[in-house]
Amino acid sequence: MSAIAYYIRSSILKKQVMGVTGLLLCGFLLTHFLGNTLLFVSSDAFNTYAYTLTSNPLIYLAEAILGAIFLAHVGMALKLVIENKAARGDQEYFIKTKTGRGSTFASSTMPYTGTLIFVFLVLHLLQFKFGPEYMTVVNGVEMRDIYKTVVEYFQSPLNVLWYVVAMFLTAIHVSHGFWSAFQSLGFNHSKYNGIINISSKAFGVLVALGYSSIAIFCFLKGGM
């Protein structure tokens, strides 16, 4: 078997695909959060932002690319878990996975948090993208009042709780995934490990607190 053929069939390539797609998804999480901060500004600002995105014909291409990245990430994760289970028998892949920091709570729960994130994502799309539609007019332009949809959803304390829990689980997942991605891509060096370690934890905190603050803000906003 040639070196190229071995590389294509190896777990190294799968982990690198997971790493690249994971980092791209982290980039989406960041940009999505920055866009959602317009909820703090005003309903018009947020609705205009959402309208600008959804009215652009390229949105369908962007969604297709994002979907492909997500499916590639999930597909490689499932393939690695299945292959490692087959190779190790009763020893679970996620228990034995090492990233240079040893086994941690985040690393050992990756399959669980990943599954819950998938469930959250499906519900999130149903609740917002395909949720109740209200209309409004901003600067003479009729557009969907997604601001009202979001604030209305978060009037339920249970919805807020579910969202906050999901964001903390996502934070646990991406904080380890961020670190692991760089390890898979060859950045396992004492010169970089400290920065990567701090950055991965900081990103996890941003996801947990940043997104949770949006849900809490909307809950309080609706009560005013």
C-alpha atoms as a PDB file:
ATOM      1  CA  MET A   1       0.000   0.000   0.000  1.00  0.00           C
ATOM      2  CA  SER A   2       1.404   3.387  -0.986  1.00  0.00           C
ATOM      3  CA  ALA A   3       1.919   6.125   1.578  1.00  0.00           C
ATOM      4  CA  ILE A   4      -0.869   8.177   0.019  1.00  0.00           C
ATOM      5  CA  ALA A   5      -3.333   5.275   0.048  1.00  0.00           C
ATOM      6  CA  TYR A   6      -2.442   4.501   3.667  1.00  0.00           C
ATOM      7  CA  TYR A   7      -2.949   8.134   4.643  1.00  0.00           C
ATOM      8  CA  ILE A   8      -6.359   8.285   2.941  1.00  0.00           C
ATOM      9  CA  ARG A   9      -7.541   5.178   4.784  1.00  0.00           C
ATOM     10  CA  SER A  10      -5.957   6.053   8.108  1.00  0.00           C
ATOM     11  CA  SER A  11      -7.551   7.560  11.208  1.00  0.00           C
ATOM     12  CA  ILE A  12      -5.104  10.455  10.882  1.00  0.00           C
ATOM     13  CA  LEU A  13      -6.973  11.864   7.882  1.00  0.00           C
ATOM     14  CA  LYS A  14     -10.334  11.408   9.598  1.00  0.00           C
ATOM     15  CA  LYS A  15      -9.102  13.265  12.689  1.00  0.00           C
ATOM     16  CA  GLN A  16      -7.720  16.045  10.517  1.00  0.00           C
ATOM     17  CA  VAL A  17     -11.028  16.355   8.664  1.00  0.00           C
ATOM     18  CA  MET A  18     -12.747  16.526  12.042  1.00  0.00           C
ATOM     19  CA  GLY A  19     -10.250  19.148  13.148  1.00  0.00           C
ATOM     20  CA  VAL A  20     -10.684  21.394  10.114  1.00  0.00           C
ATOM     21  CA  THR A  21     -14.480  21.094  10.056  1.00  0.00           C
ATOM     22  CA  GLY A  22     -14.595  21.606  13.825  1.00  0.00           C
ATOM     23  CA  LEU A  23     -12.621  24.837  13.585  1.00  0.00           C
ATOM     24  CA  LEU A  24     -14.882  26.039  10.769  1.00  0.00           C
ATOM     25  CA  LEU A  25     -17.922  25.320  12.934  1.00  0.00           C
ATOM     26  CA  CYS A  26     -16.283  27.217  15.800  1.00  0.00           C
ATOM     27  CA  GLY A  27     -15.897  30.136  13.394  1.00  0.00           C
ATOM     28  CA  PHE A  28     -19.600  29.933  12.596  1.00  0.00           C
ATOM     29  CA  LEU A  29     -20.463  29.885  16.313  1.00  0.00           C
ATOM     30  CA  LEU A  30     -18.446  33.062  16.788  1.00  0.00           C
ATOM     31  CA  THR A  31     -19.895  34.964  13.814  1.00  0.00           C
ATOM     32  CA  HIS A  32     -23.428  33.797  14.664  1.00  0.00           C
ATOM     33  CA  PHE A  33     -22.985  35.072  18.207  1.00  0.00           C
ATOM     34  CA  LEU A  34     -21.671  38.439  17.003  1.00  0.00           C
ATOM     35  CA  GLY A  35     -24.697  38.811  14.757  1.00  0.00           C
ATOM     36  CA  ASN A  36     -27.047  37.863  17.582  1.00  0.00           C
ATOM     37  CA  THR A  37     -25.600  40.586  19.821  1.00  0.00           C
ATOM     38  CA  LEU A  38     -27.679  43.007  17.742  1.00  0.00           C
ATOM     39  CA  LEU A  39     -30.570  41.758  19.873  1.00  0.00           C
ATOM     40  CA  PHE A  40     -29.063  43.921  22.604  1.00  0.00           C
ATOM     41  CA  VAL A  41     -29.173  46.980  20.325  1.00  0.00           C
ATOM     42  CA  SER A  42     -32.762  47.059  19.051  1.00  0.00           C
ATOM     43  CA  SER A  43     -35.417  45.038  17.276  1.00  0.00           C
ATOM     44  CA  ASP A  44     -34.865  47.018  14.070  1.00  0.00           C
ATOM     45  CA  ALA A  45     -31.112  46.383  14.131  1.00  0.00           C
ATOM     46  CA  PHE A  46     -31.547  42.639  14.604  1.00  0.00           C
ATOM     47  CA  ASN A  47     -34.364  42.297  12.078  1.00  0.00           C
ATOM     48  CA  THR A  48     -32.399  44.259   9.479  1.00  0.00           C
ATOM     49  CA  TYR A  49     -29.372  42.039  10.053  1.00  0.00           C
ATOM     50  CA  ALA A  50     -31.490  38.880   9.656  1.00  0.00           C
ATOM     51  CA  TYR A  51     -33.226  40.288   6.577  1.00  0.00           C
ATOM     52  CA  THR A  52     -29.896  41.197   4.959  1.00  0.00           C
ATOM     53  CA  LEU A  53     -28.717  37.607   5.383  1.00  0.00           C
ATOM     54  CA  THR A  54     -31.879  35.804   4.309  1.00  0.00           C
ATOM     55  CA  SER A  55     -32.662  38.066   1.343  1.00  0.00           C
ATOM     56  CA  ASN A  56     -29.239  37.421  -0.212  1.00  0.00           C
ATOM     57  CA  PRO A  57     -29.515  34.670  -2.880  1.00  0.00           C
ATOM     58  CA  LEU A  58     -26.119  33.346  -1.774  1.00  0.00           C
ATOM     59  CA  ILE A  59     -27.654  32.347   1.559  1.00  0.00           C
ATOM     60  CA  TYR A  60     -28.692  29.007   0.050  1.00  0.00           C
ATOM     61  CA  LEU A  61     -25.129  28.276  -1.042  1.00  0.00           C
ATOM     62  CA  ALA A  62     -23.805  29.309   2.361  1.00  0.00           C
ATOM     63  CA  GLU A  63     -26.328  27.065   4.134  1.00  0.00           C
ATOM     64  CA  ALA A  64     -25.432  24.146   1.851  1.00  0.00           C
ATOM     65  CA  ILE A  65     -21.724  24.581   2.578  1.00  0.00           C
ATOM     66  CA  LEU A  66     -22.368  24.875   6.314  1.00  0.00           C
ATOM     67  CA  GLY A  67     -24.544  21.767   6.212  1.00  0.00           C
ATOM     68  CA  ALA A  68     -21.833  19.844   4.345  1.00  0.00           C
ATOM     69  CA  ILE A  69     -19.222  20.901   6.904  1.00  0.00           C
ATOM     70  CA  PHE A  70     -21.469  19.805   9.759  1.00  0.00           C
ATOM     71  CA  LEU A  71     -22.286  16.443   8.157  1.00  0.00           C
ATOM     72  CA  ALA A  72     -18.599  15.818   7.396  1.00  0.00           C
ATOM     73  CA  HIS A  73     -17.738  16.544  11.020  1.00  0.00           C
ATOM     74  CA  VAL A  74     -20.457  14.251  12.364  1.00  0.00           C
ATOM     75  CA  GLY A  75     -19.703  11.563   9.796  1.00  0.00           C
ATOM     76  CA  MET A  76     -15.991  11.446  10.624  1.00  0.00           C
ATOM     77  CA  ALA A  77     -16.784  11.374  14.360  1.00  0.00           C
ATOM     78  CA  LEU A  78     -19.145   8.422  13.961  1.00  0.00           C
ATOM     79  CA  LYS A  79     -16.686   6.592  11.720  1.00  0.00           C
ATOM     80  CA  LEU A  80     -13.863   7.021  14.232  1.00  0.00           C
ATOM     81  CA  VAL A  81     -16.016   5.830  17.124  1.00  0.00           C
ATOM     82  CA  ILE A  82     -17.165   2.756  15.191  1.00  0.00           C
ATOM     83  CA  GLU A  83     -13.660   1.889  13.984  1.00  0.00           C
ATOM     84  CA  ASN A  84     -12.125   2.290  17.421  1.00  0.00           C
ATOM     85  CA  LYS A  85     -14.851   0.238  19.073  1.00  0.00           C
ATOM     86  CA  ALA A  86     -14.251  -2.530  16.553  1.00  0.00           C
ATOM     87  CA  ALA A  87     -10.494  -2.380  17.106  1.00  0.00           C
ATOM     88  CA  ARG A  88     -10.623  -2.248  20.900  1.00  0.00           C
ATOM     89  CA  GLY A  89     -13.553  -4.499  21.625  1.00  0.00           C
ATOM     90  CA  ASP A  90     -15.243  -3.509  24.856  1.00  0.00           C
ATOM     91  CA  GLN A  91     -12.943  -0.541  25.463  1.00  0.00           C
ATOM     92  CA  GLU A  92     -14.787   2.612  24.509  1.00  0.00           C
ATOM     93  CA  TYR A  93     -13.048   5.000  22.156  1.00  0.00           C
ATOM     94  CA  PHE A  94     -14.021   8.068  24.122  1.00  0.00           C
ATOM     95  CA  ILE A  95     -12.634   6.652  27.350  1.00  0.00           C
ATOM     96  CA  LYS A  96      -9.229   5.953  25.862  1.00  0.00           C
ATOM     97  CA  THR A  97      -8.849   9.037  23.737  1.00  0.00           C
ATOM     98  CA  LYS A  98      -5.756  11.066  24.631  1.00  0.00           C
ATOM     99  CA  THR A  99      -5.019  14.574  23.478  1.00  0.00           C
ATOM    100  CA  GLY A 100      -1.815  15.384  25.263  1.00  0.00           C
ATOM    101  CA  ARG A 101      -3.662  16.617  28.355  1.00  0.00           C
ATOM    102  CA  GLY A 102      -4.782  13.165  29.434  1.00  0.00           C
ATOM    103  CA  SER A 103      -8.384  12.071  29.747  1.00  0.00           C
ATOM    104  CA  THR A 104     -10.631  14.926  30.901  1.00  0.00           C
ATOM    105  CA  PHE A 105     -14.356  15.290  31.543  1.00  0.00           C
ATOM    106  CA  ALA A 106     -14.698  17.186  28.252  1.00  0.00           C
ATOM    107  CA  SER A 107     -12.824  14.565  26.224  1.00  0.00           C
ATOM    108  CA  SER A 108     -14.599  11.584  27.804  1.00  0.00           C
ATOM    109  CA  THR A 109     -18.057  13.067  27.186  1.00  0.00           C
ATOM    110  CA  MET A 110     -17.533  14.206  23.587  1.00  0.00           C
ATOM    111  CA  PRO A 111     -19.936  11.608  22.081  1.00  0.00           C
ATOM    112  CA  TYR A 112     -22.641  12.554  24.597  1.00  0.00           C
ATOM    113  CA  THR A 113     -22.302  16.321  24.240  1.00  0.00           C
ATOM    114  CA  GLY A 114     -22.064  15.938  20.468  1.00  0.00           C
ATOM    115  CA  THR A 115     -25.324  13.978  20.364  1.00  0.00           C
ATOM    116  CA  LEU A 116     -27.112  16.518  22.555  1.00  0.00           C
ATOM    117  CA  ILE A 117     -25.813  19.374  20.402  1.00  0.00           C
ATOM    118  CA  PHE A 118     -27.272  17.644  17.335  1.00  0.00           C
ATOM    119  CA  VAL A 119     -30.666  17.368  19.080  1.00  0.00           C
ATOM    120  CA  PHE A 120     -30.451  21.018  20.119  1.00  0.00           C
ATOM    121  CA  LEU A 121     -29.598  22.115  16.571  1.00  0.00           C
ATOM    122  CA  VAL A 122     -32.632  20.356  15.087  1.00  0.00           C
ATOM    123  CA  LEU A 123     -34.945  21.896  17.693  1.00  0.00           C
ATOM    124  CA  HIS A 124     -33.270  25.291  17.286  1.00  0.00           C
ATOM    125  CA  LEU A 125     -34.008  25.333  13.553  1.00  0.00           C
ATOM    126  CA  LEU A 126     -37.617  24.280  14.138  1.00  0.00           C
ATOM    127  CA  GLN A 127     -38.109  26.914  16.841  1.00  0.00           C
ATOM    128  CA  PHE A 128     -36.548  29.890  15.036  1.00  0.00           C
ATOM    129  CA  LYS A 129     -35.848  29.387  11.322  1.00  0.00           C
ATOM    130  CA  PHE A 130     -39.122  27.510  10.839  1.00  0.00           C
ATOM    131  CA  GLY A 131     -40.867  28.962  13.881  1.00  0.00           C
ATOM    132  CA  PRO A 132     -43.716  31.494  14.136  1.00  0.00           C
ATOM    133  CA  GLU A 133     -43.508  34.223  11.496  1.00  0.00           C
ATOM    134  CA  TYR A 134     -44.401  37.817  12.260  1.00  0.00           C
ATOM    135  CA  MET A 135     -43.884  40.742   9.936  1.00  0.00           C
ATOM    136  CA  THR A 136     -42.640  44.263  10.554  1.00  0.00           C
ATOM    137  CA  VAL A 137     -41.526  47.291   8.542  1.00  0.00           C
ATOM    138  CA  VAL A 138     -38.086  48.868   8.973  1.00  0.00           C
ATOM    139  CA  ASN A 139     -37.203  51.980   6.964  1.00  0.00           C
ATOM    140  CA  GLY A 140     -40.031  51.245   4.564  1.00  0.00           C
ATOM    141  CA  VAL A 141     -38.989  47.635   3.961  1.00  0.00           C
ATOM    142  CA  GLU A 142     -41.288  44.795   5.001  1.00  0.00           C
ATOM    143  CA  MET A 143     -39.404  41.945   6.644  1.00  0.00           C
ATOM    144  CA  ARG A 144     -39.837  39.103   9.086  1.00  0.00           C
ATOM    145  CA  ASP A 145     -39.925  40.157  12.731  1.00  0.00           C
ATOM    146  CA  ILE A 146     -37.552  37.436  13.913  1.00  0.00           C
ATOM    147  CA  TYR A 147     -36.822  39.587  16.965  1.00  0.00           C
ATOM    148  CA  LYS A 148     -40.391  39.009  18.175  1.00  0.00           C
ATOM    149  CA  THR A 149     -40.089  35.258  17.494  1.00  0.00           C
ATOM    150  CA  VAL A 150     -36.912  35.022  19.568  1.00  0.00           C
ATOM    151  CA  VAL A 151     -38.134  37.135  22.493  1.00  0.00           C
ATOM    152  CA  GLU A 152     -41.461  35.310  22.528  1.00  0.00           C
ATOM    153  CA  TYR A 153     -39.753  31.906  22.667  1.00  0.00           C
ATOM    154  CA  PHE A 154     -37.629  32.913  25.639  1.00  0.00           C
ATOM    155  CA  GLN A 155     -40.632  34.008  27.704  1.00  0.00           C
ATOM    156  CA  SER A 156     -40.799  30.424  28.929  1.00  0.00           C
ATOM    157  CA  PRO A 157     -38.344  29.793  31.818  1.00  0.00           C
ATOM    158  CA  LEU A 158     -38.077  26.175  30.667  1.00  0.00           C
ATOM    159  CA  ASN A 159     -36.983  27.299  27.206  1.00  0.00           C
ATOM    160  CA  VAL A 160     -34.379  29.571  28.768  1.00  0.00           C
ATOM    161  CA  LEU A 161     -33.137  26.768  31.006  1.00  0.00           C
ATOM    162  CA  TRP A 162     -32.917  24.319  28.108  1.00  0.00           C
ATOM    163  CA  TYR A 163     -31.030  26.854  25.994  1.00  0.00           C
ATOM    164  CA  VAL A 164     -28.560  27.718  28.763  1.00  0.00           C
ATOM    165  CA  VAL A 165     -27.893  24.034  29.522  1.00  0.00           C
ATOM    166  CA  ALA A 166     -27.405  23.341  25.806  1.00  0.00           C
ATOM    167  CA  MET A 167     -24.955  26.236  25.527  1.00  0.00           C
ATOM    168  CA  PHE A 168     -22.903  24.998  28.461  1.00  0.00           C
ATOM    169  CA  LEU A 169     -22.787  21.517  26.910  1.00  0.00           C
ATOM    170  CA  THR A 170     -21.737  23.104  23.630  1.00  0.00           C
ATOM    171  CA  ALA A 171     -19.033  25.029  25.474  1.00  0.00           C
ATOM    172  CA  ILE A 172     -17.681  21.808  26.999  1.00  0.00           C
ATOM    173  CA  HIS A 173     -17.673  20.164  23.572  1.00  0.00           C
ATOM    174  CA  VAL A 174     -16.017  22.998  21.647  1.00  0.00           C
ATOM    175  CA  SER A 175     -13.446  23.801  24.330  1.00  0.00           C
ATOM    176  CA  HIS A 176     -12.023  20.298  23.986  1.00  0.00           C
ATOM    177  CA  GLY A 177     -12.663  20.163  20.245  1.00  0.00           C
ATOM    178  CA  PHE A 178     -10.800  23.440  19.706  1.00  0.00           C
ATOM    179  CA  TRP A 179      -7.751  22.038  21.493  1.00  0.00           C
ATOM    180  CA  SER A 180      -8.001  18.619  19.855  1.00  0.00           C
ATOM    181  CA  ALA A 181      -8.286  20.112  16.358  1.00  0.00           C
ATOM    182  CA  PHE A 182      -4.915  21.812  16.662  1.00  0.00           C
ATOM    183  CA  GLN A 183      -3.365  18.611  17.996  1.00  0.00           C
ATOM    184  CA  SER A 184      -4.704  16.658  15.010  1.00  0.00           C
ATOM    185  CA  LEU A 185      -3.326  19.279  12.635  1.00  0.00           C
ATOM    186  CA  GLY A 186       0.162  18.973  14.098  1.00  0.00           C
ATOM    187  CA  PHE A 187       0.334  21.927  16.488  1.00  0.00           C
ATOM    188  CA  ASN A 188       1.401  19.717  19.407  1.00  0.00           C
ATOM    189  CA  HIS A 189       4.413  21.694  20.588  1.00  0.00           C
ATOM    190  CA  SER A 190       5.337  23.327  23.873  1.00  0.00           C
ATOM    191  CA  LYS A 191       5.679  26.610  21.995  1.00  0.00           C
ATOM    192  CA  TYR A 192       1.966  26.641  21.126  1.00  0.00           C
ATOM    193  CA  ASN A 193       0.238  24.369  23.639  1.00  0.00           C
ATOM    194  CA  GLY A 194      -0.117  26.982  26.361  1.00  0.00           C
ATOM    195  CA  ILE A 195      -1.754  29.512  24.030  1.00  0.00           C
ATOM    196  CA  ILE A 196      -4.015  26.872  22.472  1.00  0.00           C
ATOM    197  CA  ASN A 197      -5.047  25.604  25.900  1.00  0.00           C
ATOM    198  CA  ILE A 198      -5.985  29.084  27.136  1.00  0.00           C
ATOM    199  CA  SER A 199      -7.706  29.950  23.849  1.00  0.00           C
ATOM    200  CA  SER A 200      -9.805  26.775  23.902  1.00  0.00           C
ATOM    201  CA  LYS A 201     -11.008  27.468  27.432  1.00  0.00           C
ATOM    202  CA  ALA A 202     -11.669  31.137  26.661  1.00  0.00           C
ATOM    203  CA  PHE A 203     -13.695  30.173  23.600  1.00  0.00           C
ATOM    204  CA  GLY A 204     -15.746  27.739  25.680  1.00  0.00           C
ATOM    205  CA  VAL A 205     -16.481  30.461  28.251  1.00  0.00           C
ATOM    206  CA  LEU A 206     -17.487  32.864  25.459  1.00  0.00           C
ATOM    207  CA  VAL A 207     -19.924  30.337  23.996  1.00  0.00           C
ATOM    208  CA  ALA A 208     -21.466  29.451  27.372  1.00  0.00           C
ATOM    209  CA  LEU A 209     -21.828  32.952  28.792  1.00  0.00           C
ATOM    210  CA  GLY A 210     -22.307  34.837  25.533  1.00  0.00           C
ATOM    211  CA  TYR A 211     -25.163  32.776  24.156  1.00  0.00           C
ATOM    212  CA  SER A 212     -26.750  32.306  27.594  1.00  0.00           C
ATOM    213  CA  SER A 213     -26.800  36.069  28.101  1.00  0.00           C
ATOM    214  CA  ILE A 214     -28.899  36.414  24.944  1.00  0.00           C
ATOM    215  CA  ALA A 215     -31.548  34.018  26.259  1.00  0.00           C
ATOM    216  CA  ILE A 216     -31.644  35.737  29.661  1.00  0.00           C
ATOM    217  CA  PHE A 217     -31.802  39.192  28.050  1.00  0.00           C
ATOM    218  CA  CYS A 218     -34.758  38.167  25.887  1.00  0.00           C
ATOM    219  CA  PHE A 219     -36.543  36.710  28.923  1.00  0.00           C
ATOM    220  CA  LEU A 220     -36.092  39.943  30.853  1.00  0.00           C
ATOM    221  CA  LYS A 221     -36.902  42.074  27.801  1.00  0.00           C
ATOM    222  CA  GLY A 222     -40.255  40.374  27.360  1.00  0.00           C
ATOM    223  CA  GLY A 223     -41.187  41.120  30.933  1.00  0.00           C
ATOM    224  CA  MET A 224     -40.592  44.857  30.592  1.00  0.00           C
END
